[in-house]
Amino acid sequence: MFSKETYIRRRQQLKELVKEGVILIFGNNEAPANYPNNSYAPFRQDSSFLYYFGLQRDGLVGIIDVDNDEETLIGDDIDIEDIVWYGSVDSVQDMAAQVGVAHTAPMRQLKTLCNEALAHKRKIHFLPPYRFDIKLQLFDLLGIHPNQQKEAASMALIKAVVKMRSVKEAQEIEELERAAVIGYKMHTTAMALTRPGLTEKYIGGQIDGIAGSYGAKVSFATIFTQHGEIMHGCPSTAVLESGRLALCDCGAETINNYCSDNTRTFPVNGKFTQKQRDIYDIVVAAHDYALQVAKPGVKYADVHFAVCRLMFDRLKDLGLAKGNTEEAVKAGAHAMFMPHGLGHMMGMDVHDMEGFDQINVGFDEETRPNLEQFGTNCLRMGRRLQEGFVVTDEPGIYFIPALIDDWRAKGHCAEFLNFDLLETYKDFGGIRIEDDLLITAEGCRFIGEQRIPYLANDVEEFMAKNQ
């Protein structure tokens, strides 16, 4: 939790941006896993509630009355039975004082406050809910059916929150640096442990434990797989095999819920084959090129396509691609190898604010997504970069057998792809290298003082020393 003044300042700025009405910001409730008293753990608070109110307890709602410049924390104090099981916690009034909120009220009064606002035809702003219990609560409070709540959410509030949360404060960057330290421990542990005979699930479990022991939790479900061609391959019970590549995409949240997100790909036996290294070095070049191109004022969509052109040129050198690179990228031929965007916003959510709909976060009135072209339709971040933005840089090359077969059967982009040679890569897997970029006044830099090994020679040397 940051200082009381931080949350006072943020709420004041939010009021100035939204201008009128009543703002409801819902905290999360405990979520049962398999029966009511066995909740998913640890508790994860809603990120926007944390941003403006900073409180980790469940069952809270923040009300910001813009017109009357009044703030209220809604919530019930816990009773003696809860104290017996969970220990004493601060009262709602004490919690409100900690973040500079003057008023409190029990949860039963939230309905009354909403009814009063509706009776006076005041605008009630809320963010798109993503949990079913909050959707039901909104239905009860405002009479808006859950199927209509996404459309009914306040665009003025969404734009204000995106504007504020997109640009990271110095104290937020410090938290992201702390998350990077945990991420470094996770990834280097994965490299040190990986060897033939262990299972994907064993490595995945070990690195998840690191996130829990040094921070709050993993920032997303860990990806650790020998099938790197599967974008989100969860660790399975498959045994690691010599000659295969392992792809590890994982990150941690700090105690204050700021994230890291890195990916490394490395040989299970510690040594790249020449075929693997040829593809790997292209991904390294693409990863590093983004660092040269990304800077304030540049559209991240342009960084994405600059990386794709470099990648396609290098794949032509290997004979996997052919033809005019500019025309090939325009036609979407590069998506055979990289069917996703270069990166996404990151902060308190690993895909920062994605619950507000990506078109409102990664795009704006100037930069619109292309939802028609395969691959390009997965670009999560396209808008102009600003100082203080944090985005991921995660190029990859994947050989997806089903995609190769599909495009070959259709003749799609046949003038730009060597399908005969692609056939020989169907058992290759995939490679991704990912780090987190902070946009600075001069350009950009990677977050994290310690660089997780990623150059091919450095990876092999690290694994040889630590396995």
Protein backbone atom coordinates (compact mmCIF):
# COMPACT_ATOMS: atom_id res chain seq x y z
CA MET A 1 0.00 0.00 0.00
CA PHE A 2 1.23 3.47 -0.89
CA SER A 3 0.84 6.63 1.20
CA LYS A 4 -2.59 8.03 2.10
CA GLU A 5 -1.77 11.08 -0.01
CA THR A 6 -1.35 8.88 -3.10
CA TYR A 7 -4.94 7.66 -2.95
CA ILE A 8 -6.34 11.10 -2.10
CA ARG A 9 -4.54 12.57 -5.11
CA ARG A 10 -5.68 9.80 -7.45
CA ARG A 11 -9.33 10.10 -6.44
CA GLN A 12 -9.17 13.88 -6.85
CA GLN A 13 -7.77 13.50 -10.35
CA LEU A 14 -10.45 10.94 -11.15
CA LYS A 15 -13.16 13.39 -10.08
CA GLU A 16 -11.67 16.08 -12.32
CA LEU A 17 -11.64 13.72 -15.31
CA VAL A 18 -15.14 12.27 -14.84
CA LYS A 19 -16.58 15.72 -14.01
CA GLU A 20 -20.05 14.74 -12.69
CA GLY A 21 -22.18 12.05 -11.13
CA VAL A 22 -21.49 9.23 -8.68
CA ILE A 23 -18.66 6.75 -9.21
CA LEU A 24 -18.95 3.19 -7.87
CA ILE A 25 -15.72 1.20 -7.65
CA PHE A 26 -16.32 -2.35 -6.48
CA GLY A 27 -13.75 -4.33 -4.54
CA ASN A 28 -13.75 -8.09 -4.94
CA ASN A 29 -15.37 -10.66 -2.68
CA GLU A 30 -13.90 -14.01 -1.73
CA ALA A 31 -14.49 -16.55 -4.51
CA PRO A 32 -15.33 -20.14 -3.48
CA ALA A 33 -13.23 -22.79 -5.21
CA ASN A 34 -15.15 -26.01 -4.61
CA TYR A 35 -17.39 -25.25 -1.62
CA PRO A 36 -18.38 -22.01 0.15
CA ASN A 37 -15.70 -21.91 2.84
CA ASN A 38 -12.83 -23.04 0.61
CA SER A 39 -11.93 -19.92 -1.34
CA TYR A 40 -9.38 -19.40 -4.05
CA ALA A 41 -6.27 -18.21 -2.26
CA PRO A 42 -4.65 -15.85 -1.82
CA PHE A 43 -7.41 -13.23 -2.05
CA ARG A 44 -6.89 -10.91 -5.02
CA GLN A 45 -8.42 -7.45 -4.82
CA ASP A 46 -9.76 -5.68 -7.91
CA SER A 47 -6.93 -3.64 -9.44
CA SER A 48 -8.89 -0.43 -9.96
CA PHE A 49 -10.16 -0.57 -6.38
CA LEU A 50 -6.55 -1.01 -5.26
CA TYR A 51 -5.44 1.89 -7.44
CA TYR A 52 -7.91 4.34 -5.89
CA PHE A 53 -8.49 2.90 -2.42
CA GLY A 54 -5.47 0.66 -1.73
CA LEU A 55 -7.31 -1.72 0.61
CA GLN A 56 -6.88 -5.49 0.42
CA ARG A 57 -9.97 -6.64 2.37
CA ASP A 58 -12.89 -8.34 0.64
CA GLY A 59 -16.46 -7.00 0.65
CA LEU A 60 -15.75 -3.30 0.08
CA VAL A 61 -17.15 -0.72 -2.34
CA GLY A 62 -15.82 2.79 -2.86
CA ILE A 63 -18.24 5.63 -3.66
CA ILE A 64 -16.94 8.89 -5.09
CA ASP A 65 -19.62 11.58 -5.27
CA VAL A 66 -18.14 13.95 -7.84
CA ASP A 67 -20.82 16.64 -7.56
CA ASN A 68 -20.60 16.95 -3.78
CA ASP A 69 -16.86 16.17 -3.52
CA GLU A 70 -17.61 13.41 -1.02
CA GLU A 71 -16.16 9.91 -0.66
CA THR A 72 -17.54 6.93 1.21
CA LEU A 73 -16.16 3.48 1.94
CA ILE A 74 -18.92 0.89 2.06
CA GLY A 75 -18.40 -2.34 3.97
CA ASP A 76 -19.34 -4.35 7.04
CA ASP A 77 -17.13 -4.86 10.06
CA ILE A 78 -16.40 -8.52 10.77
CA ASP A 79 -18.09 -10.14 13.77
CA ILE A 80 -16.67 -12.12 16.69
CA GLU A 81 -17.09 -15.49 14.94
CA ASP A 82 -14.91 -14.33 12.05
CA ILE A 83 -12.35 -12.94 14.50
CA VAL A 84 -12.13 -16.38 16.16
CA TRP A 85 -11.17 -17.98 12.86
CA TYR A 86 -9.25 -15.24 11.07
CA GLY A 87 -8.07 -12.84 13.77
CA SER A 88 -8.87 -9.20 14.31
CA VAL A 89 -8.79 -6.79 11.38
CA ASP A 90 -9.15 -3.03 11.12
CA SER A 91 -12.67 -1.64 11.21
CA VAL A 92 -14.09 -0.15 8.01
CA GLN A 93 -13.76 3.29 9.61
CA ASP A 94 -10.08 2.66 10.38
CA MET A 95 -9.44 1.43 6.85
CA ALA A 96 -11.14 4.51 5.40
CA ALA A 97 -8.92 6.76 7.51
CA GLN A 98 -5.82 4.97 6.23
CA VAL A 99 -6.58 6.07 2.65
CA GLY A 100 -8.10 9.47 3.40
CA VAL A 101 -11.80 8.66 3.02
CA ALA A 102 -13.99 10.68 5.38
CA HIS A 103 -17.20 8.66 5.40
CA THR A 104 -18.16 5.02 5.88
CA ALA A 105 -21.41 3.08 5.72
CA PRO A 106 -22.51 -0.55 6.05
CA MET A 107 -23.22 -2.54 2.91
CA ARG A 108 -26.99 -2.38 3.42
CA GLN A 109 -26.88 1.38 2.80
CA LEU A 110 -25.38 1.03 -0.68
CA LYS A 111 -28.83 0.32 -2.14
CA THR A 112 -30.25 3.43 -0.45
CA LEU A 113 -27.45 5.63 -1.78
CA CYS A 114 -27.95 4.30 -5.30
CA ASN A 115 -31.71 4.77 -5.11
CA GLU A 116 -31.23 8.39 -4.04
CA ALA A 117 -28.89 9.04 -6.97
CA LEU A 118 -31.29 7.42 -9.43
CA ALA A 119 -34.25 9.37 -8.01
CA HIS A 120 -32.40 12.61 -8.73
CA LYS A 121 -31.49 11.37 -12.22
CA ARG A 122 -27.78 11.54 -11.44
CA LYS A 123 -25.32 9.64 -13.60
CA ILE A 124 -23.94 6.54 -11.86
CA HIS A 125 -20.57 5.47 -13.26
CA PHE A 126 -19.24 1.93 -12.97
CA LEU A 127 -16.56 -0.13 -14.70
CA PRO A 128 -17.40 -3.29 -16.68
CA PRO A 129 -17.82 -6.07 -14.08
CA TYR A 130 -16.05 -9.38 -14.66
CA ARG A 131 -17.13 -11.39 -11.60
CA PHE A 132 -20.60 -12.90 -11.47
CA ASP A 133 -21.28 -11.85 -7.86
CA ILE A 134 -20.58 -8.21 -8.73
CA LYS A 135 -22.82 -8.50 -11.80
CA LEU A 136 -25.66 -9.72 -9.57
CA GLN A 137 -24.97 -6.94 -7.08
CA LEU A 138 -25.14 -4.35 -9.87
CA PHE A 139 -28.40 -5.89 -11.08
CA ASP A 140 -29.85 -5.49 -7.60
CA LEU A 141 -28.56 -1.93 -7.21
CA LEU A 142 -29.27 -0.45 -10.63
CA GLY A 143 -31.66 -2.88 -12.31
CA ILE A 144 -29.29 -3.45 -15.24
CA HIS A 145 -29.28 -7.07 -16.42
CA PRO A 146 -25.82 -8.71 -16.35
CA ASN A 147 -26.00 -9.22 -20.14
CA GLN A 148 -26.28 -5.44 -20.58
CA GLN A 149 -23.75 -4.26 -18.02
CA LYS A 150 -20.71 -4.18 -20.30
CA GLU A 151 -22.52 -1.82 -22.67
CA ALA A 152 -23.96 0.20 -19.78
CA ALA A 153 -20.57 0.73 -18.12
CA SER A 154 -19.41 4.34 -18.04
CA MET A 155 -17.15 5.23 -20.96
CA ALA A 156 -16.20 8.45 -19.17
CA LEU A 157 -14.97 6.41 -16.19
CA ILE A 158 -13.21 3.84 -18.38
CA LYS A 159 -11.33 6.56 -20.27
CA ALA A 160 -10.37 8.31 -17.05
CA VAL A 161 -9.06 5.15 -15.40
CA VAL A 162 -7.15 4.12 -18.55
CA LYS A 163 -5.61 7.60 -18.79
CA MET A 164 -4.42 7.44 -15.19
CA ARG A 165 -3.33 3.82 -14.91
CA SER A 166 -1.51 3.77 -18.27
CA VAL A 167 1.19 6.19 -17.13
CA LYS A 168 3.11 4.65 -14.25
CA GLU A 169 4.22 6.77 -11.32
CA ALA A 170 7.76 6.47 -9.94
CA GLN A 171 6.54 4.39 -6.99
CA GLU A 172 4.74 2.05 -9.38
CA ILE A 173 7.90 1.58 -11.42
CA GLU A 174 9.71 0.67 -8.19
CA GLU A 175 7.08 -2.02 -7.59
CA LEU A 176 7.50 -3.31 -11.15
CA GLU A 177 11.25 -3.51 -10.54
CA ARG A 178 10.56 -5.60 -7.41
CA ALA A 179 8.33 -7.89 -9.47
CA ALA A 180 11.18 -8.25 -11.98
CA VAL A 181 13.48 -9.49 -9.22
CA ILE A 182 11.01 -12.28 -8.41
CA GLY A 183 10.58 -13.02 -12.11
CA TYR A 184 14.35 -13.37 -12.46
CA LYS A 185 14.38 -15.93 -9.64
CA MET A 186 11.54 -17.87 -11.28
CA HIS A 187 13.10 -18.03 -14.72
CA THR A 188 16.64 -18.80 -13.65
CA THR A 189 15.28 -21.54 -11.39
CA ALA A 190 13.42 -23.03 -14.35
CA MET A 191 16.62 -23.02 -16.43
CA ALA A 192 18.66 -24.56 -13.62
CA LEU A 193 16.13 -27.34 -12.93
CA THR A 194 15.24 -28.28 -16.49
CA ARG A 195 16.74 -31.55 -17.69
CA PRO A 196 15.54 -34.71 -19.44
CA GLY A 197 13.43 -37.01 -17.28
CA LEU A 198 11.62 -34.41 -15.17
CA THR A 199 8.05 -33.39 -15.97
CA GLU A 200 6.73 -30.05 -17.16
CA LYS A 201 4.45 -29.99 -14.12
CA TYR A 202 7.36 -30.39 -11.70
CA ILE A 203 9.22 -27.37 -13.12
CA GLY A 204 6.01 -25.34 -13.25
CA GLY A 205 5.22 -26.13 -9.62
CA GLN A 206 8.69 -25.17 -8.45
CA ILE A 207 8.61 -21.75 -10.07
CA ASP A 208 5.06 -21.06 -8.87
CA GLY A 209 6.30 -21.64 -5.33
CA ILE A 210 8.94 -18.94 -5.79
CA ALA A 211 6.25 -16.40 -6.70
CA GLY A 212 4.30 -17.24 -3.57
CA SER A 213 7.31 -17.16 -1.28
CA TYR A 214 8.69 -13.79 -2.44
CA GLY A 215 5.50 -11.98 -3.45
CA ALA A 216 1.74 -12.30 -3.47
CA LYS A 217 1.21 -14.86 -6.23
CA VAL A 218 1.91 -15.60 -9.86
CA SER A 219 0.76 -12.79 -12.14
CA PHE A 220 -0.92 -15.31 -14.48
CA ALA A 221 -1.11 -19.07 -14.88
CA THR A 222 2.43 -20.28 -15.57
CA ILE A 223 3.19 -21.57 -19.07
CA PHE A 224 5.88 -24.24 -19.17
CA THR A 225 5.80 -26.62 -22.09
CA GLN A 226 7.80 -28.48 -24.72
CA HIS A 227 5.04 -27.52 -27.16
CA GLY A 228 5.99 -23.89 -27.51
CA GLU A 229 3.85 -23.68 -30.65
CA ILE A 230 0.83 -23.66 -28.29
CA MET A 231 0.53 -20.05 -27.14
CA HIS A 232 -0.77 -20.83 -23.64
CA GLY A 233 0.48 -24.34 -22.97
CA CYS A 234 -0.04 -25.24 -19.31
CA PRO A 235 2.47 -27.56 -17.63
CA SER A 236 1.46 -31.17 -18.22
CA THR A 237 2.70 -34.46 -16.84
CA ALA A 238 4.74 -34.95 -20.01
CA VAL A 239 8.37 -35.94 -19.39
CA LEU A 240 11.00 -33.52 -20.67
CA GLU A 241 12.92 -34.97 -23.61
CA SER A 242 16.48 -34.35 -24.77
CA GLY A 243 16.54 -32.45 -28.05
CA ARG A 244 13.31 -30.57 -27.35
CA LEU A 245 12.88 -26.90 -26.48
CA ALA A 246 11.13 -25.79 -23.28
CA LEU A 247 9.18 -22.54 -23.33
CA CYS A 248 8.70 -20.84 -19.96
CA ASP A 249 6.35 -17.84 -19.74
CA CYS A 250 5.76 -16.78 -16.15
CA GLY A 251 5.73 -13.85 -13.78
CA ALA A 252 5.01 -12.76 -10.25
CA GLU A 253 2.99 -10.13 -8.42
CA THR A 254 4.54 -8.17 -5.60
CA ILE A 255 2.71 -7.88 -2.28
CA ASN A 256 1.31 -4.62 -3.69
CA ASN A 257 0.12 -6.49 -6.79
CA TYR A 258 2.40 -5.16 -9.51
CA CYS A 259 3.42 -7.72 -12.12
CA SER A 260 6.30 -9.13 -14.06
CA ASP A 261 5.90 -11.04 -17.33
CA ASN A 262 8.88 -12.70 -19.04
CA THR A 263 9.37 -15.57 -21.44
CA ARG A 264 12.44 -17.64 -22.15
CA THR A 265 12.92 -20.64 -24.42
CA PHE A 266 15.80 -23.01 -23.84
CA PRO A 267 16.96 -26.52 -24.77
CA VAL A 268 15.93 -29.27 -22.38
CA ASN A 269 19.43 -30.78 -22.54
CA GLY A 270 21.17 -27.40 -22.30
CA LYS A 271 22.44 -27.28 -25.89
CA PHE A 272 20.73 -25.81 -28.97
CA THR A 273 20.86 -27.73 -32.22
CA GLN A 274 21.92 -25.65 -35.22
CA LYS A 275 18.36 -25.72 -36.55
CA GLN A 276 17.05 -24.44 -33.21
CA ARG A 277 19.72 -21.77 -32.95
CA ASP A 278 18.98 -20.46 -36.45
CA ILE A 279 15.37 -19.74 -35.48
CA TYR A 280 16.27 -18.66 -31.95
CA ASP A 281 18.71 -15.99 -33.14
CA ILE A 282 15.99 -14.45 -35.31
CA VAL A 283 13.74 -14.09 -32.28
CA VAL A 284 16.62 -12.54 -30.32
CA ALA A 285 17.17 -10.00 -33.11
CA ALA A 286 13.44 -9.15 -33.17
CA HIS A 287 13.36 -8.81 -29.37
CA ASP A 288 16.34 -6.44 -29.37
CA TYR A 289 15.10 -4.44 -32.36
CA ALA A 290 11.99 -3.37 -30.45
CA LEU A 291 14.28 -1.70 -27.92
CA GLN A 292 15.68 0.48 -30.70
CA VAL A 293 12.34 1.46 -32.24
CA ALA A 294 10.00 1.98 -29.26
CA LYS A 295 9.91 5.55 -27.91
CA PRO A 296 7.39 8.26 -27.03
CA GLY A 297 5.22 9.29 -29.99
CA VAL A 298 5.73 6.06 -31.93
CA LYS A 299 2.73 3.79 -32.43
CA TYR A 300 3.29 0.37 -30.91
CA ALA A 301 1.55 -1.07 -33.98
CA ASP A 302 4.42 0.37 -36.04
CA VAL A 303 6.96 -1.26 -33.70
CA HIS A 304 5.08 -4.55 -34.14
CA PHE A 305 5.21 -4.40 -37.94
CA ALA A 306 8.86 -3.26 -37.96
CA VAL A 307 9.70 -6.37 -35.94
CA CYS A 308 7.60 -8.53 -38.29
CA ARG A 309 9.47 -7.21 -41.35
CA LEU A 310 12.84 -7.93 -39.75
CA MET A 311 11.67 -11.41 -38.81
CA PHE A 312 10.33 -12.15 -42.29
CA ASP A 313 13.59 -10.98 -43.93
CA ARG A 314 15.60 -13.33 -41.73
CA LEU A 315 13.21 -16.23 -42.41
CA LYS A 316 13.74 -15.62 -46.12
CA ASP A 317 17.46 -16.16 -45.52
CA LEU A 318 16.60 -19.64 -44.19
CA GLY A 319 14.33 -20.38 -47.16
CA LEU A 320 11.15 -20.59 -45.08
CA ALA A 321 9.75 -17.37 -46.53
CA LYS A 322 10.03 -15.68 -49.92
CA GLY A 323 8.89 -12.71 -51.98
CA ASN A 324 8.64 -9.03 -51.24
CA THR A 325 8.72 -8.53 -47.46
CA GLU A 326 6.54 -5.41 -47.47
CA GLU A 327 3.85 -7.14 -49.53
CA ALA A 328 4.12 -10.30 -47.45
CA VAL A 329 3.57 -8.47 -44.16
CA LYS A 330 0.73 -6.48 -45.70
CA ALA A 331 -0.91 -9.77 -46.71
CA GLY A 332 -0.38 -11.20 -43.21
CA ALA A 333 2.07 -13.93 -44.26
CA HIS A 334 4.19 -13.24 -41.16
CA ALA A 335 1.33 -14.55 -39.00
CA MET A 336 2.22 -18.07 -40.09
CA PHE A 337 5.19 -17.68 -37.75
CA MET A 338 3.94 -15.08 -35.23
CA PRO A 339 0.14 -15.12 -34.92
CA HIS A 340 0.03 -12.66 -32.02
CA GLY A 341 0.91 -9.05 -31.30
CA LEU A 342 4.30 -7.85 -30.12
CA GLY A 343 3.00 -7.01 -26.66
CA HIS A 344 0.43 -5.54 -24.31
CA MET A 345 0.16 -3.00 -21.51
CA MET A 346 1.33 -4.24 -18.13
CA GLY A 347 1.07 -3.03 -14.55
CA MET A 348 -1.25 -4.17 -11.77
CA ASP A 349 -2.85 -6.56 -14.24
CA VAL A 350 -0.44 -8.53 -16.37
CA HIS A 351 -2.66 -7.61 -19.34
CA ASP A 352 -3.24 -4.23 -17.82
CA MET A 353 -6.88 -3.12 -17.74
CA GLU A 354 -7.86 -5.64 -20.40
CA GLY A 355 -11.19 -6.08 -18.62
CA PHE A 356 -12.17 -2.64 -19.99
CA ASP A 357 -12.02 -4.09 -23.55
CA GLN A 358 -8.71 -3.92 -25.36
CA ILE A 359 -9.97 -1.35 -27.85
CA ASN A 360 -10.20 1.12 -24.95
CA VAL A 361 -6.73 0.31 -23.57
CA GLY A 362 -4.39 -0.57 -26.43
CA PHE A 363 -6.07 1.62 -29.02
CA ASP A 364 -7.65 5.06 -29.24
CA GLU A 365 -9.50 7.35 -31.65
CA GLU A 366 -6.39 7.67 -33.82
CA THR A 367 -5.26 4.03 -33.83
CA ARG A 368 -7.87 1.36 -34.47
CA PRO A 369 -7.43 -2.42 -34.48
CA ASN A 370 -7.60 -4.56 -37.62
CA LEU A 371 -10.04 -7.27 -36.59
CA GLU A 372 -10.19 -8.93 -40.01
CA GLN A 373 -6.64 -10.15 -40.65
CA PHE A 374 -5.46 -13.31 -38.88
CA GLY A 375 -2.66 -12.53 -36.45
CA THR A 376 -3.09 -8.78 -36.68
CA ASN A 377 -6.48 -9.20 -35.01
CA CYS A 378 -4.58 -10.37 -31.89
CA LEU A 379 -2.60 -7.14 -31.60
CA ARG A 380 -3.44 -5.92 -28.09
CA MET A 381 -1.42 -2.70 -28.16
CA GLY A 382 -1.28 -0.31 -31.11
CA ARG A 383 -1.59 3.26 -29.82
CA ARG A 384 1.17 5.86 -29.57
CA LEU A 385 3.57 5.30 -26.74
CA GLN A 386 3.95 7.81 -23.92
CA GLU A 387 6.61 8.24 -21.29
CA GLY A 388 5.65 6.06 -18.34
CA PHE A 389 3.89 3.36 -20.34
CA VAL A 390 4.94 -0.21 -19.59
CA VAL A 391 4.49 -2.70 -22.43
CA THR A 392 5.74 -6.20 -23.09
CA ASP A 393 8.17 -6.97 -25.92
CA GLU A 394 7.50 -10.60 -26.84
CA PRO A 395 8.27 -11.65 -30.41
CA GLY A 396 8.09 -15.34 -31.24
CA ILE A 397 8.37 -17.84 -34.05
CA TYR A 398 6.09 -20.87 -33.94
CA PHE A 399 5.57 -23.83 -36.23
CA ILE A 400 1.94 -24.86 -35.74
CA PRO A 401 1.19 -28.06 -37.71
CA ALA A 402 -2.54 -27.40 -38.00
CA LEU A 403 -1.92 -23.86 -39.28
CA ILE A 404 0.63 -25.07 -41.81
CA ASP A 405 -1.86 -27.66 -43.10
CA ASP A 406 -4.74 -25.16 -43.19
CA TRP A 407 -2.87 -22.48 -45.12
CA ARG A 408 -1.33 -25.00 -47.50
CA ALA A 409 -4.73 -26.51 -48.31
CA LYS A 410 -6.18 -23.06 -48.97
CA GLY A 411 -3.12 -21.78 -50.81
CA HIS A 412 -3.13 -18.84 -48.41
CA CYS A 413 -0.04 -16.61 -48.85
CA ALA A 414 1.51 -19.36 -51.00
CA GLU A 415 3.53 -16.75 -52.89
CA PHE A 416 5.31 -15.82 -49.64
CA LEU A 417 5.80 -19.19 -47.90
CA ASN A 418 7.83 -22.33 -48.64
CA PHE A 419 5.33 -24.98 -47.55
CA ASP A 420 7.64 -27.88 -48.49
CA LEU A 421 10.29 -26.64 -46.08
CA LEU A 422 7.67 -25.77 -43.45
CA GLU A 423 6.65 -29.45 -43.44
CA THR A 424 10.07 -30.33 -42.02
CA TYR A 425 9.51 -27.96 -39.06
CA LYS A 426 6.24 -29.46 -37.84
CA ASP A 427 7.99 -31.09 -34.87
CA PHE A 428 10.03 -27.98 -34.01
CA GLY A 429 7.71 -26.35 -31.46
CA GLY A 430 7.98 -22.64 -30.85
CA ILE A 431 10.24 -19.92 -29.47
CA ARG A 432 9.28 -16.74 -27.63
CA ILE A 433 11.49 -14.25 -25.78
CA GLU A 434 9.75 -11.63 -23.66
CA ASP A 435 10.75 -8.74 -21.43
CA ASP A 436 8.94 -5.72 -20.03
CA LEU A 437 9.64 -2.29 -21.54
CA LEU A 438 9.37 1.03 -19.73
CA ILE A 439 8.94 3.95 -22.12
CA THR A 440 11.27 6.76 -21.04
CA ALA A 441 11.71 10.36 -22.19
CA GLU A 442 14.61 9.30 -24.45
CA GLY A 443 13.31 5.94 -25.68
CA CYS A 444 12.80 2.86 -23.59
CA ARG A 445 14.54 0.38 -21.31
CA PHE A 446 13.89 -3.08 -19.97
CA ILE A 447 12.53 -3.35 -16.45
CA GLY A 448 14.74 -5.42 -14.16
CA GLU A 449 18.34 -4.77 -13.25
CA GLN A 450 19.23 -8.43 -13.69
CA ARG A 451 18.72 -9.68 -17.23
CA ILE A 452 17.43 -13.24 -17.44
CA PRO A 453 19.86 -15.00 -19.84
CA TYR A 454 18.50 -14.93 -23.38
CA LEU A 455 21.39 -14.81 -25.87
CA ALA A 456 21.95 -18.38 -27.07
CA ASN A 457 25.52 -18.64 -25.76
CA ASP A 458 24.50 -17.14 -22.41
CA VAL A 459 21.63 -19.59 -22.04
CA GLU A 460 23.87 -22.57 -22.76
CA GLU A 461 26.56 -21.28 -20.41
CA PHE A 462 24.05 -20.65 -17.59
CA MET A 463 22.50 -24.09 -17.93
CA ALA A 464 25.91 -25.80 -18.05
CA LYS A 465 26.98 -24.08 -14.81
CA ASN A 466 23.72 -24.55 -12.90
CA GLN A 467 22.26 -27.90 -13.92
